[in-house]
Amino acid sequence: MPQITVDYSADLADGFDRPGFAKALHEATVEIAAARPPACKTRFRRTEDIVVGPDTEGHAHVHVHIALLAGRTDETKARLTQAALELLRTHLKPAAGLALHASAEVRDLDPSYAKYES
């Protein structure tokens, strides 16, 4: 915990500082949501195709999913969501000719969540 997944358009790959974004988001998650630094895990999933409305061209997306153990207030989740969006602005260069659709969400992990470390 937290489990962070970032889906992003392939067209953004060259201008997206993914390691820098993950490090900064981990720091924000520790500060805002009281996560433990070694517990922060981020994976990036490159998306090859995106369709926005009727258009298949000219769009790119990034969506940040942050899943935390239950117990954070809605205010804490909203602050972390906004922090994620701000960090995208600093770690993602605009791609020429593409309309960027950036979003983020923070949700509670299901009570069935379990993990082990070895």
Foldseek 3Di string as FASTA:
>chain_A
DWEKEKEWEPLQVVQFPVVVLQVQLLVLCCVLVVDDSVVRDYDYHYDHFDDDDPDGDQEIEMEMEIEAAPDDDPVSFVVSFVSSVVSRVVRTDDRPRHDYDYGYGYYYDDPVDDDDDD
